[in-house]
């Protein structure tokens, strides 16, 4: 494919689900950062409400910073941020804490 065109839907928000996947493991396509951050937050909150631990990976540090600046970030409780600037001991603490039920 050498050329492609992308157009917004004229029928409203997409309800696309990849391969009609059932249950909680759906692939969701979001067209905006706000929608993407909302989906990340909702998925994390659902897992925490079920008593599960959650680890969220971002593409890079700038995307993490964008998320941390969004309105969705404050909706996540019991969060720890792991990035390359932390000392080794801090990284170990956050990793151990992340494996605890109810943590993000």
N, C-alpha and C. Protein backbone atom coordinates (compact mmCIF):
# COMPACT_ATOMS: atom_id res chain seq x y z
N UNK A 1 0.86 -1.17 0.00
CA UNK A 1 0.00 0.00 0.00
C UNK A 1 0.90 1.23 0.00
N UNK A 2 0.74 2.03 -1.00
CA UNK A 2 1.55 3.25 -1.11
C UNK A 2 0.80 4.48 -0.65
N UNK A 3 -0.51 4.50 -0.86
CA UNK A 3 -1.31 5.67 -0.52
C UNK A 3 -2.57 5.20 0.19
N UNK A 4 -2.97 5.94 1.19
CA UNK A 4 -4.24 5.64 1.85
C UNK A 4 -4.89 6.93 2.31
N UNK A 5 -6.18 6.86 2.56
CA UNK A 5 -6.93 8.02 3.00
C UNK A 5 -7.69 7.64 4.25
N UNK A 6 -7.75 8.53 5.20
CA UNK A 6 -8.48 8.31 6.44
C UNK A 6 -9.57 9.35 6.56
N UNK A 7 -10.79 8.88 6.83
CA UNK A 7 -11.92 9.80 6.97
C UNK A 7 -12.67 9.48 8.25
N UNK A 8 -13.16 10.50 8.94
CA UNK A 8 -14.00 10.22 10.11
C UNK A 8 -15.34 9.63 9.67
N UNK A 9 -15.93 8.88 10.56
CA UNK A 9 -17.21 8.25 10.26
C UNK A 9 -18.31 9.29 10.19
N UNK A 10 -19.18 9.16 9.22
CA UNK A 10 -20.33 10.04 9.12
C UNK A 10 -21.51 9.47 9.91
N UNK A 11 -21.32 8.28 10.50
CA UNK A 11 -22.39 7.60 11.22
C UNK A 11 -22.23 7.68 12.74
N UNK A 12 -21.33 8.52 13.22
CA UNK A 12 -21.14 8.65 14.66
C UNK A 12 -19.95 7.83 15.14
N UNK A 13 -19.82 7.71 16.45
CA UNK A 13 -18.70 7.00 17.05
C UNK A 13 -18.68 5.53 16.63
N UNK A 14 -17.50 5.04 16.34
CA UNK A 14 -17.33 3.65 15.90
C UNK A 14 -17.60 2.69 17.04
N UNK A 15 -18.31 1.63 16.76
CA UNK A 15 -18.53 0.56 17.72
C UNK A 15 -17.75 -0.69 17.29
N UNK A 16 -16.70 -0.45 16.53
CA UNK A 16 -15.88 -1.52 16.00
C UNK A 16 -15.27 -2.35 17.12
N UNK A 17 -15.36 -3.65 17.03
CA UNK A 17 -14.71 -4.59 17.94
C UNK A 17 -13.94 -5.57 17.07
N UNK A 18 -12.66 -5.69 17.28
CA UNK A 18 -11.80 -6.53 16.48
C UNK A 18 -12.21 -8.00 16.58
N UNK A 19 -12.54 -8.59 15.47
CA UNK A 19 -12.91 -10.00 15.37
C UNK A 19 -14.07 -10.38 16.29
N UNK A 20 -14.93 -9.42 16.60
CA UNK A 20 -16.08 -9.67 17.48
C UNK A 20 -15.68 -10.37 18.78
N UNK A 21 -14.59 -9.94 19.37
CA UNK A 21 -14.10 -10.58 20.58
C UNK A 21 -15.09 -10.39 21.72
N UNK A 22 -15.46 -11.46 22.38
CA UNK A 22 -16.39 -11.37 23.51
C UNK A 22 -15.69 -10.97 24.81
N UNK A 23 -16.47 -10.56 25.76
CA UNK A 23 -15.96 -10.33 27.12
C UNK A 23 -15.07 -9.13 27.27
N UNK A 24 -14.17 -9.21 28.24
CA UNK A 24 -13.33 -8.09 28.64
C UNK A 24 -12.12 -7.87 27.73
N UNK A 25 -11.77 -8.80 26.88
CA UNK A 25 -10.54 -8.71 26.10
C UNK A 25 -10.76 -8.09 24.73
N UNK A 26 -11.54 -7.09 24.64
CA UNK A 26 -11.84 -6.46 23.37
C UNK A 26 -10.73 -5.51 22.94
N UNK A 27 -10.50 -5.45 21.65
CA UNK A 27 -9.61 -4.45 21.08
C UNK A 27 -10.47 -3.25 20.72
N UNK A 28 -10.11 -2.09 21.23
CA UNK A 28 -10.90 -0.89 21.02
C UNK A 28 -10.07 0.12 20.25
N UNK A 29 -10.66 0.71 19.24
CA UNK A 29 -9.98 1.72 18.43
C UNK A 29 -10.51 3.09 18.83
N UNK A 30 -9.61 3.98 19.25
CA UNK A 30 -9.99 5.34 19.62
C UNK A 30 -9.33 6.32 18.67
N UNK A 31 -10.05 7.34 18.28
CA UNK A 31 -9.51 8.30 17.32
C UNK A 31 -8.91 9.54 17.97
N UNK A 32 -9.10 9.71 19.29
CA UNK A 32 -8.55 10.87 19.97
C UNK A 32 -7.74 10.45 21.18
N UNK A 33 -6.82 11.31 21.60
CA UNK A 33 -6.04 11.03 22.81
C UNK A 33 -6.94 10.98 24.03
N UNK A 34 -7.92 11.88 24.08
CA UNK A 34 -8.83 11.91 25.23
C UNK A 34 -9.59 10.58 25.34
N UNK A 35 -10.06 10.08 24.20
CA UNK A 35 -10.75 8.80 24.19
C UNK A 35 -9.83 7.66 24.59
N UNK A 36 -8.60 7.69 24.09
CA UNK A 36 -7.59 6.68 24.43
C UNK A 36 -7.31 6.69 25.93
N UNK A 37 -7.09 7.89 26.49
CA UNK A 37 -6.82 8.00 27.93
C UNK A 37 -8.02 7.54 28.75
N UNK A 38 -9.23 7.85 28.30
CA UNK A 38 -10.44 7.41 28.99
C UNK A 38 -10.54 5.88 29.00
N UNK A 39 -10.25 5.25 27.87
CA UNK A 39 -10.30 3.79 27.78
C UNK A 39 -9.25 3.14 28.68
N UNK A 40 -8.04 3.71 28.71
CA UNK A 40 -6.98 3.19 29.59
C UNK A 40 -7.43 3.27 31.04
N UNK A 41 -7.98 4.42 31.43
CA UNK A 41 -8.44 4.63 32.80
C UNK A 41 -9.58 3.69 33.15
N UNK A 42 -10.56 3.56 32.27
CA UNK A 42 -11.71 2.69 32.53
C UNK A 42 -11.27 1.23 32.68
N UNK A 43 -10.36 0.78 31.82
CA UNK A 43 -9.88 -0.60 31.90
C UNK A 43 -9.13 -0.85 33.21
N UNK A 44 -8.32 0.12 33.61
CA UNK A 44 -7.58 -0.01 34.87
C UNK A 44 -8.53 -0.05 36.06
N UNK A 45 -9.51 0.85 36.06
CA UNK A 45 -10.47 0.89 37.17
C UNK A 45 -11.30 -0.40 37.26
N UNK A 46 -11.70 -0.95 36.11
CA UNK A 46 -12.46 -2.21 36.11
C UNK A 46 -11.64 -3.34 36.74
N UNK A 47 -10.37 -3.42 36.36
CA UNK A 47 -9.52 -4.47 36.90
C UNK A 47 -9.30 -4.29 38.39
N UNK A 48 -9.06 -3.06 38.84
CA UNK A 48 -8.86 -2.79 40.27
C UNK A 48 -10.13 -3.12 41.06
N UNK A 49 -11.29 -2.78 40.51
CA UNK A 49 -12.56 -3.08 41.19
C UNK A 49 -12.78 -4.59 41.34
N UNK A 50 -12.13 -5.37 40.49
CA UNK A 50 -12.21 -6.84 40.60
C UNK A 50 -11.13 -7.39 41.51
N UNK A 51 -10.35 -6.49 42.14
CA UNK A 51 -9.31 -6.93 43.06
C UNK A 51 -8.01 -7.32 42.38
N UNK A 52 -7.80 -6.88 41.16
CA UNK A 52 -6.62 -7.25 40.40
C UNK A 52 -5.59 -6.13 40.42
N UNK A 53 -4.35 -6.50 40.23
CA UNK A 53 -3.28 -5.52 40.05
C UNK A 53 -3.22 -5.14 38.58
N UNK A 54 -2.77 -3.93 38.28
CA UNK A 54 -2.75 -3.44 36.91
C UNK A 54 -1.39 -2.80 36.62
N UNK A 55 -0.84 -3.14 35.45
CA UNK A 55 0.36 -2.46 34.97
C UNK A 55 0.02 -1.90 33.59
N UNK A 56 0.23 -0.60 33.41
CA UNK A 56 -0.06 0.06 32.14
C UNK A 56 1.26 0.50 31.53
N UNK A 57 1.49 0.13 30.28
CA UNK A 57 2.69 0.53 29.56
C UNK A 57 2.30 1.59 28.52
N UNK A 58 3.11 2.64 28.43
CA UNK A 58 2.90 3.67 27.43
C UNK A 58 4.01 3.59 26.39
N UNK A 59 3.72 4.10 25.21
CA UNK A 59 4.64 4.05 24.08
C UNK A 59 5.99 4.68 24.42
N UNK A 60 5.97 5.78 25.12
CA UNK A 60 7.20 6.48 25.50
C UNK A 60 6.89 7.41 26.67
N UNK A 61 7.92 8.07 27.18
CA UNK A 61 7.76 8.93 28.34
C UNK A 61 6.89 10.15 28.04
N UNK A 62 6.95 10.66 26.82
CA UNK A 62 6.12 11.83 26.50
C UNK A 62 4.64 11.47 26.51
N UNK A 63 4.29 10.27 26.05
CA UNK A 63 2.88 9.84 26.11
C UNK A 63 2.45 9.66 27.57
N UNK A 64 3.33 9.14 28.41
CA UNK A 64 3.04 9.02 29.84
C UNK A 64 2.79 10.40 30.44
N UNK A 65 3.62 11.37 30.09
CA UNK A 65 3.46 12.72 30.61
C UNK A 65 2.14 13.34 30.15
N UNK A 66 1.75 13.08 28.90
CA UNK A 66 0.46 13.56 28.40
C UNK A 66 -0.68 12.96 29.21
N UNK A 67 -0.59 11.67 29.49
CA UNK A 67 -1.63 11.01 30.29
C UNK A 67 -1.68 11.61 31.70
N UNK A 68 -0.51 11.84 32.28
CA UNK A 68 -0.46 12.39 33.63
C UNK A 68 -1.02 13.81 33.69
N UNK A 69 -1.03 14.51 32.56
CA UNK A 69 -1.58 15.86 32.48
C UNK A 69 -3.08 15.86 32.15
N UNK A 70 -3.61 14.69 31.84
CA UNK A 70 -5.02 14.61 31.44
C UNK A 70 -5.94 14.55 32.65
N UNK A 71 -7.21 14.80 32.42
CA UNK A 71 -8.21 14.71 33.49
C UNK A 71 -8.43 13.27 33.93
N UNK A 72 -8.07 12.32 33.10
CA UNK A 72 -8.27 10.91 33.44
C UNK A 72 -7.30 10.43 34.52
N UNK A 73 -6.11 11.00 34.56
CA UNK A 73 -5.07 10.56 35.48
C UNK A 73 -5.52 10.65 36.94
N UNK A 74 -6.22 11.71 37.30
CA UNK A 74 -6.62 11.89 38.69
C UNK A 74 -7.69 10.88 39.11
N UNK A 75 -8.32 10.22 38.14
CA UNK A 75 -9.36 9.24 38.45
C UNK A 75 -8.79 7.90 38.87
N UNK A 76 -7.49 7.70 38.67
CA UNK A 76 -6.84 6.45 39.03
C UNK A 76 -6.26 6.58 40.43
N UNK A 77 -6.65 5.66 41.32
CA UNK A 77 -6.14 5.69 42.69
C UNK A 77 -5.04 4.64 42.85
N UNK A 78 -4.24 4.78 43.90
CA UNK A 78 -3.18 3.82 44.23
C UNK A 78 -2.23 3.58 43.06
N UNK A 79 -1.74 4.66 42.47
CA UNK A 79 -0.88 4.51 41.30
C UNK A 79 0.57 4.76 41.66
N UNK A 80 1.44 4.09 40.95
CA UNK A 80 2.87 4.29 41.05
C UNK A 80 3.41 4.50 39.66
N UNK A 81 4.36 5.40 39.49
CA UNK A 81 4.91 5.70 38.18
C UNK A 81 6.34 5.18 38.13
N UNK A 82 6.58 4.31 37.18
CA UNK A 82 7.92 3.74 36.98
C UNK A 82 8.50 4.32 35.70
N UNK A 83 9.60 5.03 35.82
CA UNK A 83 10.28 5.51 34.61
C UNK A 83 11.79 5.41 34.81
N UNK A 84 12.51 5.67 33.75
CA UNK A 84 13.95 5.45 33.75
C UNK A 84 14.73 6.41 34.64
N UNK A 85 14.10 7.47 35.13
CA UNK A 85 14.82 8.45 35.95
C UNK A 85 14.90 8.05 37.42
N UNK A 86 14.17 7.03 37.83
CA UNK A 86 14.14 6.63 39.24
C UNK A 86 15.40 5.85 39.62
N UNK A 87 15.73 5.91 40.91
CA UNK A 87 16.84 5.12 41.43
C UNK A 87 16.44 3.65 41.45
N UNK A 88 17.42 2.77 41.46
CA UNK A 88 17.18 1.32 41.41
C UNK A 88 16.25 0.86 42.55
N UNK A 89 16.46 1.37 43.76
CA UNK A 89 15.63 0.97 44.90
C UNK A 89 14.18 1.39 44.72
N UNK A 90 13.99 2.59 44.19
CA UNK A 90 12.63 3.08 43.93
C UNK A 90 11.93 2.22 42.87
N UNK A 91 12.66 1.85 41.83
CA UNK A 91 12.10 0.99 40.80
C UNK A 91 11.66 -0.35 41.39
N UNK A 92 12.51 -0.95 42.21
CA UNK A 92 12.16 -2.23 42.83
C UNK A 92 10.91 -2.12 43.71
N UNK A 93 10.82 -1.03 44.47
CA UNK A 93 9.65 -0.82 45.33
C UNK A 93 8.37 -0.71 44.50
N UNK A 94 8.41 0.07 43.43
CA UNK A 94 7.22 0.26 42.60
C UNK A 94 6.83 -1.05 41.91
N UNK A 95 7.80 -1.83 41.47
CA UNK A 95 7.51 -3.11 40.82
C UNK A 95 6.86 -4.07 41.82
N UNK A 96 7.39 -4.15 43.02
CA UNK A 96 6.78 -5.03 44.04
C UNK A 96 5.39 -4.56 44.41
N UNK A 97 5.22 -3.26 44.55
CA UNK A 97 3.92 -2.70 44.89
C UNK A 97 2.90 -2.94 43.78
N UNK A 98 3.35 -2.88 42.51
CA UNK A 98 2.45 -3.07 41.37
C UNK A 98 1.84 -4.46 41.33
N UNK A 99 2.52 -5.42 41.92
CA UNK A 99 2.01 -6.80 41.92
C UNK A 99 0.99 -7.03 43.04
N UNK A 100 0.71 -6.01 43.83
CA UNK A 100 -0.25 -6.12 44.92
C UNK A 100 -1.65 -5.82 44.40
N UNK A 101 -2.60 -6.57 44.86
CA UNK A 101 -4.01 -6.38 44.44
C UNK A 101 -4.46 -4.96 44.66
N UNK A 102 -5.15 -4.41 43.67
CA UNK A 102 -5.73 -3.07 43.78
C UNK A 102 -4.79 -1.94 43.44
N UNK A 103 -3.61 -2.23 42.95
CA UNK A 103 -2.63 -1.20 42.61
C UNK A 103 -2.57 -1.00 41.11
N UNK A 104 -2.24 0.23 40.70
CA UNK A 104 -2.03 0.54 39.28
C UNK A 104 -0.65 1.13 39.14
